[in-house]
C-alpha atoms as a PDB file:
ATOM      1  CA  UNK A   1      91.158  57.622 105.498  1.00  0.00           C
ATOM      2  CA  UNK A   2      94.422  58.997 104.318  1.00  0.00           C
ATOM      3  CA  UNK A   3      94.752  62.706 104.610  1.00  0.00           C
ATOM      4  CA  UNK A   4      97.630  62.875 101.824  1.00  0.00           C
ATOM      5  CA  UNK A   5      95.029  63.390  98.844  1.00  0.00           C
ATOM      6  CA  UNK A   6      93.471  66.318 100.799  1.00  0.00           C
ATOM      7  CA  UNK A   7      96.775  67.818 101.476  1.00  0.00           C
ATOM      8  CA  UNK A   8      98.092  67.580  97.990  1.00  0.00           C
ATOM      9  CA  UNK A   9      94.894  69.093  96.762  1.00  0.00           C
ATOM     10  CA  UNK A  10      94.959  71.872  99.219  1.00  0.00           C
ATOM     11  CA  UNK A  11      98.687  72.427  98.400  1.00  0.00           C
ATOM     12  CA  UNK A  12      98.059  72.563  94.716  1.00  0.00           C
ATOM     13  CA  UNK A  13      95.226  75.105  94.899  1.00  0.00           C
ATOM     14  CA  UNK A  14      97.022  77.166  97.265  1.00  0.00           C
ATOM     15  CA  UNK A  15     100.119  77.166  95.269  1.00  0.00           C
ATOM     16  CA  UNK A  16      98.149  78.335  92.246  1.00  0.00           C
ATOM     17  CA  UNK A  17      96.228  81.246  94.024  1.00  0.00           C
ATOM     18  CA  UNK A  18      99.348  82.301  95.841  1.00  0.00           C
ATOM     19  CA  UNK A  19     101.286  82.699  92.533  1.00  0.00           C
ATOM     20  CA  UNK A  20      98.549  84.407  90.692  1.00  0.00           C
ATOM     21  CA  UNK A  21      97.747  86.939  93.355  1.00  0.00           C
ATOM     22  CA  UNK A  22     101.155  89.022  93.329  1.00  0.00           C
ATOM     23  CA  UNK A  23     101.353  88.419  89.423  1.00  0.00           C
ATOM     24  CA  UNK A  24      97.997  89.944  88.860  1.00  0.00           C
ATOM     25  CA  UNK A  25      98.556  92.609  91.584  1.00  0.00           C
ATOM     26  CA  UNK A  26     101.656  93.812  89.739  1.00  0.00           C
ATOM     27  CA  UNK A  27      99.768  93.334  86.266  1.00  0.00           C
ATOM     28  CA  UNK A  28      97.182  95.545  87.217  1.00  0.00           C
ATOM     29  CA  UNK A  29      99.455  98.205  88.572  1.00  0.00           C
ATOM     30  CA  UNK A  30     101.313  98.064  85.473  1.00  0.00           C
ATOM     31  CA  UNK A  31      98.136  98.288  83.282  1.00  0.00           C
ATOM     32  CA  UNK A  32      96.953 101.297  85.497  1.00  0.00           C
ATOM     33  CA  UNK A  33     100.156 103.118  85.096  1.00  0.00           C
ATOM     34  CA  UNK A  34     100.325 102.604  81.350  1.00  0.00           C
ATOM     35  CA  UNK A  35      96.675 103.910  80.962  1.00  0.00           C
ATOM     36  CA  UNK A  36      97.473 107.005  83.283  1.00  0.00           C
ATOM     37  CA  UNK A  37     100.558 107.656  80.913  1.00  0.00           C
ATOM     38  CA  UNK A  38      98.231 108.074  78.066  1.00  0.00           C
ATOM     39  CA  UNK A  39      96.615 110.932  79.721  1.00  0.00           C
ATOM     40  CA  UNK A  40      98.454 114.241  78.782  1.00  0.00           C
ATOM     41  CA  UNK A  41      98.343 116.009  82.274  1.00  0.00           C
ATOM     42  CA  UNK A  42      99.513 112.746  84.062  1.00  0.00           C
ATOM     43  CA  UNK A  43     101.936 111.461  81.300  1.00  0.00           C
ATOM     44  CA  UNK A  44     105.092 112.115  83.473  1.00  0.00           C
ATOM     45  CA  UNK A  45     103.644 110.245  86.475  1.00  0.00           C
ATOM     46  CA  UNK A  46     102.692 107.457  84.315  1.00  0.00           C
ATOM     47  CA  UNK A  47     105.935 107.085  82.351  1.00  0.00           C
ATOM     48  CA  UNK A  48     107.937 107.359  85.609  1.00  0.00           C
ATOM     49  CA  UNK A  49     105.655 104.857  87.295  1.00  0.00           C
ATOM     50  CA  UNK A  50     106.261 102.411  84.494  1.00  0.00           C
ATOM     51  CA  UNK A  51     110.056 102.986  84.659  1.00  0.00           C
ATOM     52  CA  UNK A  52     109.882 102.521  88.276  1.00  0.00           C
ATOM     53  CA  UNK A  53     108.028  99.174  88.260  1.00  0.00           C
ATOM     54  CA  UNK A  54     110.249  97.843  85.474  1.00  0.00           C
ATOM     55  CA  UNK A  55     113.229  98.699  87.618  1.00  0.00           C
ATOM     56  CA  UNK A  56     111.708  96.972  90.571  1.00  0.00           C
ATOM     57  CA  UNK A  57     110.953  93.936  88.596  1.00  0.00           C
ATOM     58  CA  UNK A  58     114.451  93.957  86.990  1.00  0.00           C
ATOM     59  CA  UNK A  59     116.105  93.781  90.468  1.00  0.00           C
ATOM     60  CA  UNK A  60     114.313  90.621  91.275  1.00  0.00           C
ATOM     61  CA  UNK A  61     114.761  89.209  87.712  1.00  0.00           C
ATOM     62  CA  UNK A  62     118.496  89.709  87.225  1.00  0.00           C
ATOM     63  CA  UNK A  63     118.030  92.377  84.528  1.00  0.00           C
ATOM     64  CA  UNK A  64     114.696  90.984  83.164  1.00  0.00           C
ATOM     65  CA  UNK A  65     111.272  92.270  84.206  1.00  0.00           C
ATOM     66  CA  UNK A  66     109.552  89.053  83.230  1.00  0.00           C
ATOM     67  CA  UNK A  67     111.884  87.102  85.211  1.00  0.00           C
ATOM     68  CA  UNK A  68     111.223  89.244  88.213  1.00  0.00           C
ATOM     69  CA  UNK A  69     107.611  88.921  87.908  1.00  0.00           C
ATOM     70  CA  UNK A  70     108.054  85.007  87.688  1.00  0.00           C
ATOM     71  CA  UNK A  71     110.233  85.198  90.743  1.00  0.00           C
ATOM     72  CA  UNK A  72     107.886  87.199  92.848  1.00  0.00           C
ATOM     73  CA  UNK A  73     105.157  84.914  91.917  1.00  0.00           C
ATOM     74  CA  UNK A  74     106.965  81.866  92.841  1.00  0.00           C
ATOM     75  CA  UNK A  75     108.040  83.137  96.065  1.00  0.00           C
ATOM     76  CA  UNK A  76     104.575  83.965  96.843  1.00  0.00           C
ATOM     77  CA  UNK A  77     103.506  80.587  95.970  1.00  0.00           C
ATOM     78  CA  UNK A  78     106.069  78.919  98.092  1.00  0.00           C
ATOM     79  CA  UNK A  79     104.926  81.158 101.105  1.00  0.00           C
ATOM     80  CA  UNK A  80     101.327  80.354 100.540  1.00  0.00           C
ATOM     81  CA  UNK A  81     102.310  76.596 100.603  1.00  0.00           C
ATOM     82  CA  UNK A  82     104.352  76.929 103.768  1.00  0.00           C
ATOM     83  CA  UNK A  83     101.420  78.596 105.405  1.00  0.00           C
ATOM     84  CA  UNK A  84      98.980  75.858 104.069  1.00  0.00           C
ATOM     85  CA  UNK A  85     101.208  73.010 105.358  1.00  0.00           C
ATOM     86  CA  UNK A  86     101.296  74.713 108.819  1.00  0.00           C
ATOM     87  CA  UNK A  87      97.558  75.167 109.110  1.00  0.00           C
ATOM     88  CA  UNK A  88      96.973  71.525 107.787  1.00  0.00           C
ATOM     89  CA  UNK A  89      99.257  70.190 110.633  1.00  0.00           C
ATOM     90  CA  UNK A  90      97.816  72.318 113.198  1.00  0.00           C
ATOM     91  CA  UNK A  91      94.340  71.094 112.049  1.00  0.00           C
ATOM     92  CA  UNK A  92      95.450  67.634 112.393  1.00  0.00           C
ATOM     93  CA  UNK A  93      96.830  67.897 115.797  1.00  0.00           C
ATOM     94  CA  UNK A  94      93.906  69.921 117.075  1.00  0.00           C
ATOM     95  CA  UNK A  95      91.678  67.286 115.567  1.00  0.00           C
ATOM     96  CA  UNK A  96      93.383  64.249 117.340  1.00  0.00           C
ATOM     97  CA  UNK A  97      93.813  66.029 120.693  1.00  0.00           C
ATOM     98  CA  UNK A  98      91.342  65.014 123.511  1.00  0.00           C
END
């Protein structure tokens, strides 16, 4: 039986989840700091946090926060795919060893 369909299915799922994990984490962080900025005593912390996160994303996105978020997601996806490929290879070599 060919292992190629299993590898491709595993790589597809890994790439999707590895892309979504950092994107959702940063989105939750942005939403939390936005909610904090609505509370009057914590407004300076929230607005400063939003500016810092936006500046961080702009560094990776060549001036655009959306592009920065996409780049971080794509890099996470690539790293996840590399780890999945390595574990798939190791599993195949261990399975075929005596």
